[in-house]
C-alpha atoms as a PDB file:
ATOM      1  CA  MET A   1     -11.494  11.511 -19.889  1.00  0.00           C
ATOM      2  CA  ILE A   2      -9.412  11.068 -16.725  1.00  0.00           C
ATOM      3  CA  LEU A   3      -9.547  14.145 -14.522  1.00  0.00           C
ATOM      4  CA  HIS A   4      -7.626  12.886 -11.509  1.00  0.00           C
ATOM      5  CA  MET A   5      -5.546   9.833 -10.665  1.00  0.00           C
ATOM      6  CA  LYS A   6      -4.955   8.653  -7.119  1.00  0.00           C
ATOM      7  CA  PRO A   7      -3.313   5.392  -6.027  1.00  0.00           C
ATOM      8  CA  LEU A   8      -5.633   3.207  -3.938  1.00  0.00           C
ATOM      9  CA  ASN A   9      -4.748   0.440  -1.544  1.00  0.00           C
ATOM     10  CA  LEU A  10      -6.477  -2.926  -2.023  1.00  0.00           C
ATOM     11  CA  ALA A  11      -9.014  -2.218   0.735  1.00  0.00           C
ATOM     12  CA  GLU A  12     -10.058   0.999  -1.039  1.00  0.00           C
ATOM     13  CA  VAL A  13     -10.252  -0.757  -4.400  1.00  0.00           C
ATOM     14  CA  LYS A  14     -12.469  -3.446  -2.924  1.00  0.00           C
ATOM     15  CA  GLU A  15     -14.798  -0.824  -1.463  1.00  0.00           C
ATOM     16  CA  THR A  16     -14.843   1.163  -4.709  1.00  0.00           C
ATOM     17  CA  ILE A  17     -15.789  -1.733  -6.966  1.00  0.00           C
ATOM     18  CA  VAL A  18     -18.594  -3.116  -4.787  1.00  0.00           C
ATOM     19  CA  SER A  19     -21.133  -1.137  -6.772  1.00  0.00           C
ATOM     20  CA  LEU A  20     -19.652  -2.038 -10.160  1.00  0.00           C
ATOM     21  CA  ASN A  21     -21.471  -5.184 -11.265  1.00  0.00           C
ATOM     22  CA  GLU A  22     -19.594  -5.398 -14.562  1.00  0.00           C
ATOM     23  CA  LYS A  23     -16.236  -5.724 -12.772  1.00  0.00           C
ATOM     24  CA  LYS A  24     -16.657  -9.376 -11.775  1.00  0.00           C
ATOM     25  CA  GLU A  25     -13.124 -10.324 -12.882  1.00  0.00           C
ATOM     26  CA  LEU A  26     -11.627  -7.605 -10.697  1.00  0.00           C
ATOM     27  CA  ARG A  27     -13.678  -8.717  -7.687  1.00  0.00           C
ATOM     28  CA  GLU A  28     -12.512 -12.305  -8.216  1.00  0.00           C
ATOM     29  CA  PHE A  29      -8.895 -11.132  -8.474  1.00  0.00           C
ATOM     30  CA  LEU A  30      -9.182  -9.153  -5.225  1.00  0.00           C
ATOM     31  CA  LYS A  31     -10.638 -12.170  -3.390  1.00  0.00           C
ATOM     32  CA  LYS A  32      -7.316 -13.949  -3.900  1.00  0.00           C
ATOM     33  CA  PHE A  33      -5.609 -11.302  -1.754  1.00  0.00           C
ATOM     34  CA  GLU A  34      -8.384 -10.751   0.762  1.00  0.00           C
ATOM     35  CA  LYS A  35      -6.743 -12.723   3.570  1.00  0.00           C
ATOM     36  CA  PHE A  36      -3.536 -10.680   3.207  1.00  0.00           C
ATOM     37  CA  THR A  37      -5.199  -7.258   2.934  1.00  0.00           C
ATOM     38  CA  LEU A  38      -5.560  -4.951   5.892  1.00  0.00           C
ATOM     39  CA  PRO A  39      -9.049  -3.674   6.712  1.00  0.00           C
ATOM     40  CA  LYS A  40      -9.636  -0.215   5.270  1.00  0.00           C
ATOM     41  CA  LYS A  41      -9.300   1.577   8.624  1.00  0.00           C
ATOM     42  CA  SER A  42      -5.941  -0.074   9.396  1.00  0.00           C
ATOM     43  CA  ALA A  43      -4.697   0.460   5.835  1.00  0.00           C
ATOM     44  CA  ASN A  44      -5.541   4.162   6.063  1.00  0.00           C
ATOM     45  CA  GLU A  45      -3.848   4.452   9.459  1.00  0.00           C
ATOM     46  CA  LEU A  46      -0.689   2.806   8.110  1.00  0.00           C
ATOM     47  CA  THR A  47      -0.749   5.046   5.035  1.00  0.00           C
ATOM     48  CA  ASN A  48      -1.044   8.142   7.236  1.00  0.00           C
ATOM     49  CA  GLU A  49       1.808   7.014   9.506  1.00  0.00           C
ATOM     50  CA  LEU A  50       4.066   6.451   6.509  1.00  0.00           C
ATOM     51  CA  LYS A  51       3.191   9.883   5.121  1.00  0.00           C
ATOM     52  CA  LYS A  52       4.186  11.491   8.442  1.00  0.00           C
ATOM     53  CA  ILE A  53       7.773  10.354   7.888  1.00  0.00           C
ATOM     54  CA  ASN A  54       8.051  13.152   5.282  1.00  0.00           C
ATOM     55  CA  ASN A  55      10.691  11.279   3.318  1.00  0.00           C
ATOM     56  CA  PRO A  56      10.826  12.588  -0.275  1.00  0.00           C
ATOM     57  CA  LYS A  57      11.659   9.057  -1.474  1.00  0.00           C
ATOM     58  CA  LEU A  58       8.301   7.828  -0.156  1.00  0.00           C
ATOM     59  CA  LYS A  59       5.991   8.815  -2.969  1.00  0.00           C
ATOM     60  CA  GLU A  60       2.304   8.053  -2.571  1.00  0.00           C
ATOM     61  CA  GLU A  61       2.417   5.068  -4.940  1.00  0.00           C
ATOM     62  CA  TYR A  62       5.205   3.484  -2.847  1.00  0.00           C
ATOM     63  CA  ILE A  63       3.271   4.087   0.367  1.00  0.00           C
ATOM     64  CA  ILE A  64       0.262   2.317  -1.151  1.00  0.00           C
ATOM     65  CA  LYS A  65       2.410  -0.644  -2.227  1.00  0.00           C
ATOM     66  CA  ILE A  66       3.901  -0.882   1.255  1.00  0.00           C
ATOM     67  CA  THR A  67       0.392  -0.809   2.721  1.00  0.00           C
ATOM     68  CA  ASP A  68      -0.739  -3.592   0.394  1.00  0.00           C
ATOM     69  CA  PHE A  69       2.323  -5.853   0.648  1.00  0.00           C
ATOM     70  CA  LEU A  70       3.285  -5.257   4.305  1.00  0.00           C
ATOM     71  CA  PRO A  71       6.978  -6.049   3.816  1.00  0.00           C
ATOM     72  CA  LYS A  72       8.629  -7.762   6.779  1.00  0.00           C
ATOM     73  CA  THR A  73      12.276  -7.482   5.783  1.00  0.00           C
ATOM     74  CA  ALA A  74      14.558  -4.921   4.188  1.00  0.00           C
ATOM     75  CA  GLN A  75      14.804  -7.159   1.129  1.00  0.00           C
ATOM     76  CA  ASP A  76      11.007  -7.263   0.774  1.00  0.00           C
ATOM     77  CA  LEU A  77      10.779  -3.495   1.254  1.00  0.00           C
ATOM     78  CA  ASN A  78      13.400  -2.800  -1.409  1.00  0.00           C
ATOM     79  CA  LYS A  79      11.317  -4.736  -3.943  1.00  0.00           C
ATOM     80  CA  VAL A  80       8.682  -1.996  -3.683  1.00  0.00           C
ATOM     81  CA  PHE A  81      11.020   0.759  -4.834  1.00  0.00           C
ATOM     82  CA  ILE A  82      12.109   1.264  -8.428  1.00  0.00           C
ATOM     83  CA  ASN A  83      15.443   3.030  -9.025  1.00  0.00           C
ATOM     84  CA  ILE A  84      15.509   4.255  -5.421  1.00  0.00           C
ATOM     85  CA  SER A  85      17.746   3.083  -2.607  1.00  0.00           C
ATOM     86  CA  LEU A  86      16.833   3.474   1.012  1.00  0.00           C
ATOM     87  CA  ASP A  87      19.546   3.713   3.626  1.00  0.00           C
ATOM     88  CA  GLU A  88      19.434   1.500   6.706  1.00  0.00           C
ATOM     89  CA  LYS A  89      17.831   4.198   8.886  1.00  0.00           C
ATOM     90  CA  GLU A  90      15.039   4.831   6.359  1.00  0.00           C
ATOM     91  CA  THR A  91      14.427   1.115   5.928  1.00  0.00           C
ATOM     92  CA  ASN A  92      14.249   0.476   9.674  1.00  0.00           C
ATOM     93  CA  GLU A  93      11.918   3.434  10.202  1.00  0.00           C
ATOM     94  CA  ILE A  94       9.469   2.131   7.594  1.00  0.00           C
ATOM     95  CA  LEU A  95       9.642  -1.485   8.783  1.00  0.00           C
ATOM     96  CA  GLU A  96       9.091  -0.397  12.389  1.00  0.00           C
ATOM     97  CA  ILE A  97       5.842   1.289  11.379  1.00  0.00           C
ATOM     98  CA  VAL A  98       4.705  -1.643   9.227  1.00  0.00           C
ATOM     99  CA  ARG A  99       5.339  -4.132  12.072  1.00  0.00           C
ATOM    100  CA  LYS A 100       2.545  -2.459  14.074  1.00  0.00           C
ATOM    101  CA  TYR A 101       0.063  -3.742  11.507  1.00  0.00           C
END
């Protein structure tokens, strides 16, 4: 039974599955992205900065995707969002924060 669901960034997933020996396939999958993944501390800092924007369009699952993919352009950022359009100001605000990482 699932009691609570929370999106996790790749750094958190990696930390969570360390103790799960039976999840070898997942560990192998995560290794493919290891060089692109922020360390947990940086990922959490980026997540917190994005949450501080207080934009209702920025749901937690989108923030996690942004943290994992680190989009560099408006086009890349818009690929994260489904059925949501960001205006230029919102896009620039998010990209400015992501560029720090």
